[in-house]
PDB file of N, CA and C in Angstrom:
ATOM      1  N   UNK A   1      17.141  68.195 103.243  1.00  0.00           N
ATOM      2  CA  UNK A   1      17.297  68.963 104.460  1.00  0.00           C
ATOM      3  C   UNK A   1      18.655  68.709 105.102  1.00  0.00           C
ATOM      4  N   UNK A   2      19.716  69.074 104.443  1.00  0.00           N
ATOM      5  CA  UNK A   2      21.029  68.870 105.031  1.00  0.00           C
ATOM      6  C   UNK A   2      21.280  69.746 106.243  1.00  0.00           C
ATOM      7  N   UNK A   3      20.643  70.874 106.334  1.00  0.00           N
ATOM      8  CA  UNK A   3      20.882  71.787 107.444  1.00  0.00           C
ATOM      9  C   UNK A   3      20.458  71.222 108.784  1.00  0.00           C
ATOM     10  N   UNK A   4      19.342  70.462 108.814  1.00  0.00           N
ATOM     11  CA  UNK A   4      18.863  69.941 110.093  1.00  0.00           C
ATOM     12  C   UNK A   4      19.777  68.849 110.621  1.00  0.00           C
ATOM     13  N   UNK A   5      20.278  68.029 109.742  1.00  0.00           N
ATOM     14  CA  UNK A   5      21.147  66.935 110.184  1.00  0.00           C
ATOM     15  C   UNK A   5      22.494  67.459 110.664  1.00  0.00           C
ATOM     16  N   UNK A   6      23.028  68.458 109.976  1.00  0.00           N
ATOM     17  CA  UNK A   6      24.317  69.011 110.386  1.00  0.00           C
ATOM     18  C   UNK A   6      24.214  69.682 111.751  1.00  0.00           C
ATOM     19  N   UNK A   7      23.114  70.358 111.999  1.00  0.00           N
ATOM     20  CA  UNK A   7      22.926  71.017 113.294  1.00  0.00           C
ATOM     21  C   UNK A   7      22.791  70.022 114.417  1.00  0.00           C
ATOM     22  N   UNK A   8      22.073  68.928 114.175  1.00  0.00           N
ATOM     23  CA  UNK A   8      21.898  67.944 115.239  1.00  0.00           C
ATOM     24  C   UNK A   8      23.195  67.200 115.523  1.00  0.00           C
ATOM     25  N   UNK A   9      24.015  66.978 114.498  1.00  0.00           N
ATOM     26  CA  UNK A   9      25.308  66.322 114.729  1.00  0.00           C
ATOM     27  C   UNK A   9      26.217  67.227 115.538  1.00  0.00           C
ATOM     28  N   UNK A  10      26.161  68.520 115.249  1.00  0.00           N
ATOM     29  CA  UNK A  10      26.979  69.465 116.005  1.00  0.00           C
ATOM     30  C   UNK A  10      26.542  69.523 117.458  1.00  0.00           C
ATOM     31  N   UNK A  11      25.244  69.520 117.681  1.00  0.00           N
ATOM     32  CA  UNK A  11      24.714  69.534 119.039  1.00  0.00           C
ATOM     33  C   UNK A  11      25.070  68.242 119.764  1.00  0.00           C
ATOM     34  N   UNK A  12      24.970  67.129 119.055  1.00  0.00           N
ATOM     35  CA  UNK A  12      25.316  65.845 119.681  1.00  0.00           C
ATOM     36  C   UNK A  12      26.792  65.815 120.081  1.00  0.00           C
ATOM     37  N   UNK A  13      27.661  66.396 119.251  1.00  0.00           N
ATOM     38  CA  UNK A  13      29.080  66.444 119.585  1.00  0.00           C
ATOM     39  C   UNK A  13      29.348  67.277 120.816  1.00  0.00           C
ATOM     40  N   UNK A  14      28.629  68.403 120.937  1.00  0.00           N
ATOM     41  CA  UNK A  14      28.797  69.254 122.114  1.00  0.00           C
ATOM     42  C   UNK A  14      28.293  68.559 123.367  1.00  0.00           C
ATOM     43  N   UNK A  15      27.188  67.829 123.247  1.00  0.00           N
ATOM     44  CA  UNK A  15      26.639  67.101 124.396  1.00  0.00           C
ATOM     45  C   UNK A  15      27.607  66.012 124.823  1.00  0.00           C
ATOM     46  N   UNK A  16      28.214  65.301 123.851  1.00  0.00           N
ATOM     47  CA  UNK A  16      29.178  64.253 124.179  1.00  0.00           C
ATOM     48  C   UNK A  16      30.368  64.821 124.943  1.00  0.00           C
ATOM     49  N   UNK A  17      30.874  65.962 124.534  1.00  0.00           N
ATOM     50  CA  UNK A  17      32.005  66.590 125.215  1.00  0.00           C
ATOM     51  C   UNK A  17      31.612  66.991 126.627  1.00  0.00           C
ATOM     52  N   UNK A  18      30.403  67.526 126.784  1.00  0.00           N
ATOM     53  CA  UNK A  18      29.937  67.919 128.113  1.00  0.00           C
ATOM     54  C   UNK A  18      29.771  66.708 129.012  1.00  0.00           C
ATOM     55  N   UNK A  19      29.259  65.623 128.468  1.00  0.00           N
ATOM     56  CA  UNK A  19      29.098  64.396 129.258  1.00  0.00           C
ATOM     57  C   UNK A  19      30.457  63.868 129.682  1.00  0.00           C
ATOM     58  N   UNK A  20      31.445  63.880 128.774  1.00  0.00           N
ATOM     59  CA  UNK A  20      32.792  63.422 129.121  1.00  0.00           C
ATOM     60  C   UNK A  20      33.416  64.297 130.196  1.00  0.00           C
ATOM     61  N   UNK A  21      33.227  65.604 130.106  1.00  0.00           N
ATOM     62  CA  UNK A  21      33.763  66.494 131.137  1.00  0.00           C
ATOM     63  C   UNK A  21      33.100  66.235 132.484  1.00  0.00           C
ATOM     64  N   UNK A  22      31.781  66.045 132.482  1.00  0.00           N
ATOM     65  CA  UNK A  22      31.060  65.766 133.719  1.00  0.00           C
ATOM     66  C   UNK A  22      31.514  64.441 134.311  1.00  0.00           C
ATOM     67  N   UNK A  23      31.645  63.434 133.466  1.00  0.00           N
ATOM     68  CA  UNK A  23      32.081  62.120 133.937  1.00  0.00           C
ATOM     69  C   UNK A  23      33.486  62.205 134.507  1.00  0.00           C
ATOM     70  N   UNK A  24      34.369  62.954 133.850  1.00  0.00           N
ATOM     71  CA  UNK A  24      35.727  63.131 134.349  1.00  0.00           C
ATOM     72  C   UNK A  24      35.732  63.855 135.688  1.00  0.00           C
ATOM     73  N   UNK A  25      34.902  64.884 135.818  1.00  0.00           N
ATOM     74  CA  UNK A  25      34.831  65.632 137.067  1.00  0.00           C
ATOM     75  C   UNK A  25      34.290  64.755 138.188  1.00  0.00           C
ATOM     76  N   UNK A  26      33.260  63.953 137.905  1.00  0.00           N
ATOM     77  CA  UNK A  26      32.686  63.074 138.925  1.00  0.00           C
ATOM     78  C   UNK A  26      33.713  62.040 139.365  1.00  0.00           C
ATOM     79  N   UNK A  27      34.436  61.471 138.417  1.00  0.00           N
ATOM     80  CA  UNK A  27      35.467  60.492 138.751  1.00  0.00           C
ATOM     81  C   UNK A  27      36.565  61.138 139.581  1.00  0.00           C
ATOM     82  N   UNK A  28      36.991  62.318 139.187  1.00  0.00           N
ATOM     83  CA  UNK A  28      38.029  63.028 139.928  1.00  0.00           C
ATOM     84  C   UNK A  28      37.555  63.384 141.336  1.00  0.00           C
ATOM     85  N   UNK A  29      36.324  63.873 141.444  1.00  0.00           N
ATOM     86  CA  UNK A  29      35.787  64.235 142.759  1.00  0.00           C
ATOM     87  C   UNK A  29      35.653  63.003 143.643  1.00  0.00           C
ATOM     88  N   UNK A  30      35.198  61.900 143.071  1.00  0.00           N
ATOM     89  CA  UNK A  30      35.057  60.670 143.852  1.00  0.00           C
ATOM     90  C   UNK A  30      36.425  60.167 144.312  1.00  0.00           C
ATOM     91  N   UNK A  31      37.431  60.231 143.433  1.00  0.00           N
ATOM     92  CA  UNK A  31      38.780  59.799 143.798  1.00  0.00           C
ATOM     93  C   UNK A  31      39.326  60.670 144.923  1.00  0.00           C
ATOM     94  N   UNK A  32      39.103  61.975 144.827  1.00  0.00           N
ATOM     95  CA  UNK A  32      39.571  62.873 145.879  1.00  0.00           C
ATOM     96  C   UNK A  32      38.826  62.628 147.183  1.00  0.00           C
ATOM     97  N   UNK A  33      37.534  62.415 147.100  1.00  0.00           N
ATOM     98  CA  UNK A  33      36.728  62.249 148.309  1.00  0.00           C
ATOM     99  C   UNK A  33      37.003  60.910 148.992  1.00  0.00           C
ATOM    100  N   UNK A  34      37.101  59.840 148.221  1.00  0.00           N
ATOM    101  CA  UNK A  34      37.228  58.511 148.827  1.00  0.00           C
ATOM    102  C   UNK A  34      38.663  58.094 149.086  1.00  0.00           C
ATOM    103  N   UNK A  35      39.572  58.452 148.209  1.00  0.00           N
ATOM    104  CA  UNK A  35      40.948  57.973 148.327  1.00  0.00           C
ATOM    105  C   UNK A  35      41.865  59.032 148.936  1.00  0.00           C
ATOM    106  N   UNK A  36      41.942  60.197 148.314  1.00  0.00           N
ATOM    107  CA  UNK A  36      42.921  61.198 148.710  1.00  0.00           C
ATOM    108  C   UNK A  36      42.606  61.867 150.036  1.00  0.00           C
ATOM    109  N   UNK A  37      41.392  61.726 150.529  1.00  0.00           N
ATOM    110  CA  UNK A  37      41.058  62.340 151.819  1.00  0.00           C
ATOM    111  C   UNK A  37      41.507  61.479 152.996  1.00  0.00           C
ATOM    112  N   UNK A  38      41.886  60.258 152.749  1.00  0.00           N
ATOM    113  CA  UNK A  38      42.347  59.351 153.803  1.00  0.00           C
ATOM    114  C   UNK A  38      43.809  59.002 153.540  1.00  0.00           C
ATOM    115  N   UNK A  39      44.679  59.387 154.450  1.00  0.00           N
ATOM    116  CA  UNK A  39      46.113  59.178 154.259  1.00  0.00           C
ATOM    117  C   UNK A  39      46.495  57.726 154.103  1.00  0.00           C
ATOM    118  N   UNK A  40      45.947  56.863 154.936  1.00  0.00           N
ATOM    119  CA  UNK A  40      46.305  55.451 154.878  1.00  0.00           C
ATOM    120  C   UNK A  40      45.851  54.815 153.568  1.00  0.00           C
ATOM    121  N   UNK A  41      44.661  55.191 153.089  1.00  0.00           N
ATOM    122  CA  UNK A  41      44.156  54.629 151.839  1.00  0.00           C
ATOM    123  C   UNK A  41      44.939  55.176 150.639  1.00  0.00           C
ATOM    124  N   UNK A  42      45.348  56.431 150.730  1.00  0.00           N
ATOM    125  CA  UNK A  42      46.187  57.007 149.686  1.00  0.00           C
ATOM    126  C   UNK A  42      47.498  56.232 149.590  1.00  0.00           C
ATOM    127  N   UNK A  43      48.061  55.863 150.733  1.00  0.00           N
ATOM    128  CA  UNK A  43      49.307  55.098 150.761  1.00  0.00           C
ATOM    129  C   UNK A  43      49.112  53.703 150.160  1.00  0.00           C
ATOM    130  N   UNK A  44      47.989  53.067 150.472  1.00  0.00           N
ATOM    131  CA  UNK A  44      47.701  51.737 149.920  1.00  0.00           C
ATOM    132  C   UNK A  44      47.544  51.817 148.405  1.00  0.00           C
ATOM    133  N   UNK A  45      46.778  52.796 147.928  1.00  0.00           N
ATOM    134  CA  UNK A  45      46.575  52.963 146.482  1.00  0.00           C
ATOM    135  C   UNK A  45      47.896  53.314 145.799  1.00  0.00           C
ATOM    136  N   UNK A  46      48.746  54.093 146.456  1.00  0.00           N
ATOM    137  CA  UNK A  46      50.065  54.413 145.926  1.00  0.00           C
ATOM    138  C   UNK A  46      50.853  53.132 145.705  1.00  0.00           C
ATOM    139  N   UNK A  47      50.869  52.243 146.684  1.00  0.00           N
ATOM    140  CA  UNK A  47      51.597  50.979 146.547  1.00  0.00           C
ATOM    141  C   UNK A  47      51.040  50.092 145.455  1.00  0.00           C
ATOM    142  N   UNK A  48      49.716  49.985 145.378  1.00  0.00           N
ATOM    143  CA  UNK A  48      49.088  49.162 144.344  1.00  0.00           C
ATOM    144  C   UNK A  48      49.400  49.713 142.959  1.00  0.00           C
ATOM    145  N   UNK A  49      49.273  51.036 142.806  1.00  0.00           N
ATOM    146  CA  UNK A  49      49.540  51.628 141.488  1.00  0.00           C
ATOM    147  C   UNK A  49      51.014  51.488 141.108  1.00  0.00           C
ATOM    148  N   UNK A  50      51.905  51.536 142.081  1.00  0.00           N
ATOM    149  CA  UNK A  50      53.325  51.326 141.800  1.00  0.00           C
ATOM    150  C   UNK A  50      53.567  49.928 141.258  1.00  0.00           C
ATOM    151  N   UNK A  51      52.972  48.913 141.876  1.00  0.00           N
ATOM    152  CA  UNK A  51      53.175  47.539 141.420  1.00  0.00           C
ATOM    153  C   UNK A  51      52.525  47.293 140.064  1.00  0.00           C
ATOM    154  N   UNK A  52      51.380  47.908 139.807  1.00  0.00           N
ATOM    155  CA  UNK A  52      50.754  47.783 138.483  1.00  0.00           C
ATOM    156  C   UNK A  52      51.645  48.426 137.427  1.00  0.00           C
ATOM    157  N   UNK A  53      52.167  49.621 137.740  1.00  0.00           N
ATOM    158  CA  UNK A  53      53.077  50.293 136.808  1.00  0.00           C
ATOM    159  C   UNK A  53      54.312  49.441 136.543  1.00  0.00           C
ATOM    160  N   UNK A  54      54.887  48.896 137.588  1.00  0.00           N
ATOM    161  CA  UNK A  54      56.093  48.073 137.422  1.00  0.00           C
ATOM    162  C   UNK A  54      55.807  46.827 136.595  1.00  0.00           C
ATOM    163  N   UNK A  55      54.701  46.154 136.873  1.00  0.00           N
ATOM    164  CA  UNK A  55      54.359  44.939 136.133  1.00  0.00           C
ATOM    165  C   UNK A  55      54.049  45.241 134.668  1.00  0.00           C
ATOM    166  N   UNK A  56      53.433  46.385 134.421  1.00  0.00           N
ATOM    167  CA  UNK A  56      53.046  46.725 133.048  1.00  0.00           C
ATOM    168  C   UNK A  56      54.234  47.151 132.202  1.00  0.00           C
ATOM    169  N   UNK A  57      55.274  47.676 132.813  1.00  0.00           N
ATOM    170  CA  UNK A  57      56.367  48.245 132.023  1.00  0.00           C
ATOM    171  C   UNK A  57      57.686  47.505 132.147  1.00  0.00           C
ATOM    172  N   UNK A  58      57.705  46.379 132.823  1.00  0.00           N
ATOM    173  CA  UNK A  58      58.974  45.719 133.129  1.00  0.00           C
ATOM    174  C   UNK A  58      59.773  45.373 131.867  1.00  0.00           C
ATOM    175  N   UNK A  59      59.177  44.807 130.865  1.00  0.00           N
ATOM    176  CA  UNK A  59      59.903  44.448 129.637  1.00  0.00           C
ATOM    177  C   UNK A  59      59.222  45.004 128.401  1.00  0.00           C
ATOM    178  N   UNK A  60      58.478  46.077 128.578  1.00  0.00           N
ATOM    179  CA  UNK A  60      57.656  46.593 127.491  1.00  0.00           C
ATOM    180  C   UNK A  60      58.493  47.007 126.281  1.00  0.00           C
ATOM    181  N   UNK A  61      59.582  47.705 126.486  1.00  0.00           N
ATOM    182  CA  UNK A  61      60.421  48.139 125.372  1.00  0.00           C
ATOM    183  C   UNK A  61      61.015  46.980 124.600  1.00  0.00           C
ATOM    184  N   UNK A  62      61.500  45.989 125.322  1.00  0.00           N
ATOM    185  CA  UNK A  62      62.089  44.826 124.668  1.00  0.00           C
ATOM    186  C   UNK A  62      61.035  44.034 123.885  1.00  0.00           C
ATOM    187  N   UNK A  63      59.819  43.926 124.452  1.00  0.00           N
ATOM    188  CA  UNK A  63      58.753  43.226 123.744  1.00  0.00           C
ATOM    189  C   UNK A  63      58.312  43.981 122.492  1.00  0.00           C
ATOM    190  N   UNK A  64      58.263  45.325 122.566  1.00  0.00           N
ATOM    191  CA  UNK A  64      57.947  46.108 121.373  1.00  0.00           C
ATOM    192  C   UNK A  64      58.981  45.875 120.271  1.00  0.00           C
ATOM    193  N   UNK A  65      60.253  45.882 120.636  1.00  0.00           N
ATOM    194  CA  UNK A  65      61.309  45.639 119.645  1.00  0.00           C
ATOM    195  C   UNK A  65      61.207  44.233 119.054  1.00  0.00           C
ATOM    196  N   UNK A  66      60.966  43.242 119.891  1.00  0.00           N
ATOM    197  CA  UNK A  66      60.850  41.862 119.393  1.00  0.00           C
ATOM    198  C   UNK A  66      59.637  41.721 118.478  1.00  0.00           C
ATOM    199  N   UNK A  67      58.526  42.385 118.834  1.00  0.00           N
ATOM    200  CA  UNK A  67      57.327  42.310 118.007  1.00  0.00           C
ATOM    201  C   UNK A  67      57.550  42.985 116.663  1.00  0.00           C
ATOM    202  N   UNK A  68      58.180  44.142 116.668  1.00  0.00           N
ATOM    203  CA  UNK A  68      58.440  44.835 115.395  1.00  0.00           C
ATOM    204  C   UNK A  68      59.429  44.048 114.537  1.00  0.00           C
ATOM    205  N   UNK A  69      60.407  43.405 115.165  1.00  0.00           N
ATOM    206  CA  UNK A  69      61.357  42.566 114.427  1.00  0.00           C
ATOM    207  C   UNK A  69      60.643  41.360 113.817  1.00  0.00           C
ATOM    208  N   UNK A  70      59.743  40.758 114.572  1.00  0.00           N
ATOM    209  CA  UNK A  70      58.967  39.624 114.056  1.00  0.00           C
ATOM    210  C   UNK A  70      58.133  40.040 112.858  1.00  0.00           C
ATOM    211  N   UNK A  71      57.467  41.199 112.975  1.00  0.00           N
ATOM    212  CA  UNK A  71      56.651  41.676 111.863  1.00  0.00           C
ATOM    213  C   UNK A  71      57.495  42.000 110.634  1.00  0.00           C
ATOM    214  N   UNK A  72      58.655  42.615 110.844  1.00  0.00           N
ATOM    215  CA  UNK A  72      59.485  42.968 109.686  1.00  0.00           C
ATOM    216  C   UNK A  72      60.142  41.743 109.054  1.00  0.00           C
ATOM    217  N   UNK A  73      60.504  40.755 109.839  1.00  0.00           N
ATOM    218  CA  UNK A  73      61.167  39.559 109.300  1.00  0.00           C
ATOM    219  C   UNK A  73      60.200  38.606 108.612  1.00  0.00           C
ATOM    220  N   UNK A  74      59.010  38.436 109.190  1.00  0.00           N
ATOM    221  CA  UNK A  74      58.106  37.400 108.685  1.00  0.00           C
ATOM    222  C   UNK A  74      56.842  37.949 108.031  1.00  0.00           C
ATOM    223  N   UNK A  75      56.630  39.243 108.111  1.00  0.00           N
ATOM    224  CA  UNK A  75      55.548  39.892 107.374  1.00  0.00           C
ATOM    225  C   UNK A  75      54.171  39.321 107.620  1.00  0.00           C
ATOM    226  N   UNK A  76      53.513  38.946 106.514  1.00  0.00           N
ATOM    227  CA  UNK A  76      52.125  38.508 106.577  1.00  0.00           C
ATOM    228  C   UNK A  76      51.944  37.260 107.430  1.00  0.00           C
ATOM    229  N   UNK A  77      52.913  36.362 107.433  1.00  0.00           N
ATOM    230  CA  UNK A  77      52.804  35.150 108.248  1.00  0.00           C
ATOM    231  C   UNK A  77      52.740  35.517 109.733  1.00  0.00           C
ATOM    232  N   UNK A  78      53.522  36.522 110.156  1.00  0.00           N
ATOM    233  CA  UNK A  78      53.480  36.969 111.550  1.00  0.00           C
ATOM    234  C   UNK A  78      52.126  37.593 111.872  1.00  0.00           C
ATOM    235  N   UNK A  79      51.569  38.335 110.904  1.00  0.00           N
ATOM    236  CA  UNK A  79      50.238  38.922 111.106  1.00  0.00           C
ATOM    237  C   UNK A  79      49.210  37.817 111.271  1.00  0.00           C
ATOM    238  N   UNK A  80      49.288  36.800 110.444  1.00  0.00           N
ATOM    239  CA  UNK A  80      48.349  35.677 110.533  1.00  0.00           C
ATOM    240  C   UNK A  80      48.518  34.899 111.837  1.00  0.00           C
ATOM    241  N   UNK A  81      49.709  34.887 112.383  1.00  0.00           N
ATOM    242  CA  UNK A  81      49.970  34.187 113.642  1.00  0.00           C
ATOM    243  C   UNK A  81      49.616  35.017 114.873  1.00  0.00           C
ATOM    244  N   UNK A  82      49.182  36.255 114.677  1.00  0.00           N
ATOM    245  CA  UNK A  82      48.703  37.048 115.801  1.00  0.00           C
ATOM    246  C   UNK A  82      49.632  38.146 116.278  1.00  0.00           C
ATOM    247  N   UNK A  83      50.595  38.538 115.463  1.00  0.00           N
ATOM    248  CA  UNK A  83      51.541  39.569 115.891  1.00  0.00           C
ATOM    249  C   UNK A  83      50.860  40.929 116.057  1.00  0.00           C
ATOM    250  N   UNK A  84      49.831  41.211 115.249  1.00  0.00           N
ATOM    251  CA  UNK A  84      49.117  42.480 115.412  1.00  0.00           C
ATOM    252  C   UNK A  84      48.321  42.500 116.708  1.00  0.00           C
ATOM    253  N   UNK A  85      47.734  41.367 117.075  1.00  0.00           N
ATOM    254  CA  UNK A  85      47.021  41.293 118.363  1.00  0.00           C
ATOM    255  C   UNK A  85      48.001  41.481 119.510  1.00  0.00           C
ATOM    256  N   UNK A  86      49.179  40.903 119.371  1.00  0.00           N
ATOM    257  CA  UNK A  86      50.202  41.075 120.395  1.00  0.00           C
ATOM    258  C   UNK A  86      50.628  42.536 120.472  1.00  0.00           C
ATOM    259  N   UNK A  87      50.771  43.192 119.326  1.00  0.00           N
ATOM    260  CA  UNK A  87      51.127  44.601 119.313  1.00  0.00           C
ATOM    261  C   UNK A  87      50.038  45.434 119.998  1.00  0.00           C
ATOM    262  N   UNK A  88      48.769  45.142 119.702  1.00  0.00           N
ATOM    263  CA  UNK A  88      47.659  45.859 120.349  1.00  0.00           C
ATOM    264  C   UNK A  88      47.677  45.617 121.856  1.00  0.00           C
ATOM    265  N   UNK A  89      47.981  44.397 122.256  1.00  0.00           N
ATOM    266  CA  UNK A  89      48.070  44.077 123.680  1.00  0.00           C
ATOM    267  C   UNK A  89      49.198  44.868 124.343  1.00  0.00           C
ATOM    268  N   UNK A  90      50.305  45.021 123.660  1.00  0.00           N
ATOM    269  CA  UNK A  90      51.420  45.802 124.203  1.00  0.00           C
ATOM    270  C   UNK A  90      51.056  47.279 124.335  1.00  0.00           C
ATOM    271  N   UNK A  91      50.325  47.808 123.371  1.00  0.00           N
ATOM    272  CA  UNK A  91      49.895  49.204 123.443  1.00  0.00           C
ATOM    273  C   UNK A  91      48.942  49.398 124.620  1.00  0.00           C
ATOM    274  N   UNK A  92      47.988  48.496 124.786  1.00  0.00           N
ATOM    275  CA  UNK A  92      47.042  48.590 125.904  1.00  0.00           C
ATOM    276  C   UNK A  92      47.782  48.474 127.232  1.00  0.00           C
ATOM    277  N   UNK A  93      48.735  47.570 127.309  1.00  0.00           N
ATOM    278  CA  UNK A  93      49.533  47.428 128.531  1.00  0.00           C
ATOM    279  C   UNK A  93      50.320  48.697 128.817  1.00  0.00           C
ATOM    280  N   UNK A  94      50.836  49.334 127.776  1.00  0.00           N
ATOM    281  CA  UNK A  94      51.544  50.593 127.952  1.00  0.00           C
ATOM    282  C   UNK A  94      50.648  51.685 128.506  1.00  0.00           C
ATOM    283  N   UNK A  95      49.430  51.780 127.972  1.00  0.00           N
ATOM    284  CA  UNK A  95      48.490  52.783 128.485  1.00  0.00           C
ATOM    285  C   UNK A  95      48.041  52.461 129.906  1.00  0.00           C
ATOM    286  N   UNK A  96      47.893  51.187 130.234  1.00  0.00           N
ATOM    287  CA  UNK A  96      47.565  50.799 131.607  1.00  0.00           C
ATOM    288  C   UNK A  96      48.688  51.209 132.549  1.00  0.00           C
ATOM    289  N   UNK A  97      49.922  50.980 132.129  1.00  0.00           N
ATOM    290  CA  UNK A  97      51.066  51.401 132.935  1.00  0.00           C
ATOM    291  C   UNK A  97      51.116  52.909 133.111  1.00  0.00           C
ATOM    292  N   UNK A  98      50.786  53.646 132.052  1.00  0.00           N
ATOM    293  CA  UNK A  98      50.778  55.104 132.142  1.00  0.00           C
ATOM    294  C   UNK A  98      49.680  55.586 133.098  1.00  0.00           C
ATOM    295  N   UNK A  99      48.508  54.961 133.049  1.00  0.00           N
ATOM    296  CA  UNK A  99      47.431  55.337 133.966  1.00  0.00           C
ATOM    297  C   UNK A  99      47.817  55.033 135.409  1.00  0.00           C
ATOM    298  N   UNK A 100      48.453  53.892 135.628  1.00  0.00           N
ATOM    299  CA  UNK A 100      48.910  53.557 136.981  1.00  0.00           C
ATOM    300  C   UNK A 100      49.960  54.544 137.463  1.00  0.00           C
ATOM    301  N   UNK A 101      50.823  55.003 136.553  1.00  0.00           N
ATOM    302  CA  UNK A 101      51.833  55.993 136.917  1.00  0.00           C
ATOM    303  C   UNK A 101      51.185  57.314 137.318  1.00  0.00           C
ATOM    304  N   UNK A 102      50.140  57.712 136.614  1.00  0.00           N
ATOM    305  CA  UNK A 102      49.437  58.957 136.945  1.00  0.00           C
ATOM    306  C   UNK A 102      48.789  58.843 138.325  1.00  0.00           C
ATOM    307  N   UNK A 103      48.176  57.701 138.614  1.00  0.00           N
ATOM    308  CA  UNK A 103      47.589  57.487 139.945  1.00  0.00           C
ATOM    309  C   UNK A 103      48.685  57.515 140.996  1.00  0.00           C
ATOM    310  N   UNK A 104      49.808  56.869 140.714  1.00  0.00           N
ATOM    311  CA  UNK A 104      50.942  56.863 141.636  1.00  0.00           C
ATOM    312  C   UNK A 104      51.423  58.279 141.938  1.00  0.00           C
ATOM    313  N   UNK A 105      51.628  59.089 140.896  1.00  0.00           N
ATOM    314  CA  UNK A 105      52.113  60.455 141.091  1.00  0.00           C
ATOM    315  C   UNK A 105      51.089  61.318 141.832  1.00  0.00           C
ATOM    316  N   UNK A 106      49.806  61.096 141.580  1.00  0.00           N
ATOM    317  CA  UNK A 106      48.772  61.847 142.292  1.00  0.00           C
ATOM    318  C   UNK A 106      48.805  61.521 143.779  1.00  0.00           C
ATOM    319  N   UNK A 107      48.893  60.241 144.104  1.00  0.00           N
ATOM    320  CA  UNK A 107      48.957  59.837 145.507  1.00  0.00           C
ATOM    321  C   UNK A 107      50.253  60.329 146.156  1.00  0.00           C
ATOM    322  N   UNK A 108      51.345  60.256 145.422  1.00  0.00           N
ATOM    323  CA  UNK A 108      52.619  60.741 145.945  1.00  0.00           C
ATOM    324  C   UNK A 108      52.537  62.240 146.244  1.00  0.00           C
ATOM    325  N   UNK A 109      51.958  62.994 145.338  1.00  0.00           N
ATOM    326  CA  UNK A 109      51.811  64.441 145.540  1.00  0.00           C
ATOM    327  C   UNK A 109      50.968  64.733 146.780  1.00  0.00           C
ATOM    328  N   UNK A 110      49.881  64.012 146.931  1.00  0.00           N
ATOM    329  CA  UNK A 110      48.998  64.216 148.097  1.00  0.00           C
ATOM    330  C   UNK A 110      49.725  63.880 149.384  1.00  0.00           C
ATOM    331  N   UNK A 111      50.438  62.774 149.415  1.00  0.00           N
ATOM    332  CA  UNK A 111      51.136  62.376 150.640  1.00  0.00           C
ATOM    333  C   UNK A 111      52.287  63.317 150.979  1.00  0.00           C
ATOM    334  N   UNK A 112      53.040  63.753 149.975  1.00  0.00           N
ATOM    335  CA  UNK A 112      54.138  64.667 150.275  1.00  0.00           C
ATOM    336  C   UNK A 112      53.620  66.019 150.734  1.00  0.00           C
ATOM    337  N   UNK A 113      52.522  66.487 150.164  1.00  0.00           N
ATOM    338  CA  UNK A 113      51.921  67.729 150.651  1.00  0.00           C
ATOM    339  C   UNK A 113      51.423  67.574 152.083  1.00  0.00           C
ATOM    340  N   UNK A 114      50.805  66.453 152.380  1.00  0.00           N
ATOM    341  CA  UNK A 114      50.283  66.197 153.719  1.00  0.00           C
ATOM    342  C   UNK A 114      51.431  66.126 154.734  1.00  0.00           C
ATOM    343  N   UNK A 115      52.516  65.417 154.377  1.00  0.00           N
ATOM    344  CA  UNK A 115      53.656  65.326 155.288  1.00  0.00           C
ATOM    345  C   UNK A 115      54.341  66.674 155.466  1.00  0.00           C
ATOM    346  N   UNK A 116      54.470  67.425 154.385  1.00  0.00           N
ATOM    347  CA  UNK A 116      55.099  68.735 154.467  1.00  0.00           C
ATOM    348  C   UNK A 116      54.298  69.711 155.297  1.00  0.00           C
ATOM    349  N   UNK A 117      52.994  69.682 155.181  1.00  0.00           N
ATOM    350  CA  UNK A 117      52.146  70.601 155.960  1.00  0.00           C
ATOM    351  C   UNK A 117      52.089  70.217 157.420  1.00  0.00           C
ATOM    352  N   UNK A 118      52.139  68.943 157.712  1.00  0.00           N
ATOM    353  CA  UNK A 118      51.995  68.480 159.088  1.00  0.00           C
ATOM    354  C   UNK A 118      53.271  68.637 159.905  1.00  0.00           C
ATOM    355  N   UNK A 119      54.401  68.523 159.274  1.00  0.00           N
ATOM    356  CA  UNK A 119      55.661  68.452 160.028  1.00  0.00           C
ATOM    357  C   UNK A 119      56.549  69.684 159.876  1.00  0.00           C
ATOM    358  N   UNK A 120      56.053  70.735 159.256  1.00  0.00           N
ATOM    359  CA  UNK A 120      56.880  71.943 159.152  1.00  0.00           C
ATOM    360  C   UNK A 120      56.436  72.993 160.131  1.00  0.00           C
TER     361      UNK A 120
END
């Protein structure tokens, strides 16, 4: 009965996408309702996200180059010493910095719109 299993996998994939969209919408709505609706809190979150972005990206490029140089120079020994874990950590830190940047830009957009509407 290959037909029944293929249909259920397709349905499960569609349900997963719908759940992800719903979860994204709920998170976005909650962020807008709790953070972006209050100017002072938007400003605080803007500052926090700026510092997270700065801390996450301060030497990221140089560390990526040093890690790739270590892997190319020492090969398997560097892998055994944890260079791949360090590389994974750098990738995760990069994505954390990117997420903080997105939060920063969202808060910046909200505050500039609020200031522009209020003072023009």
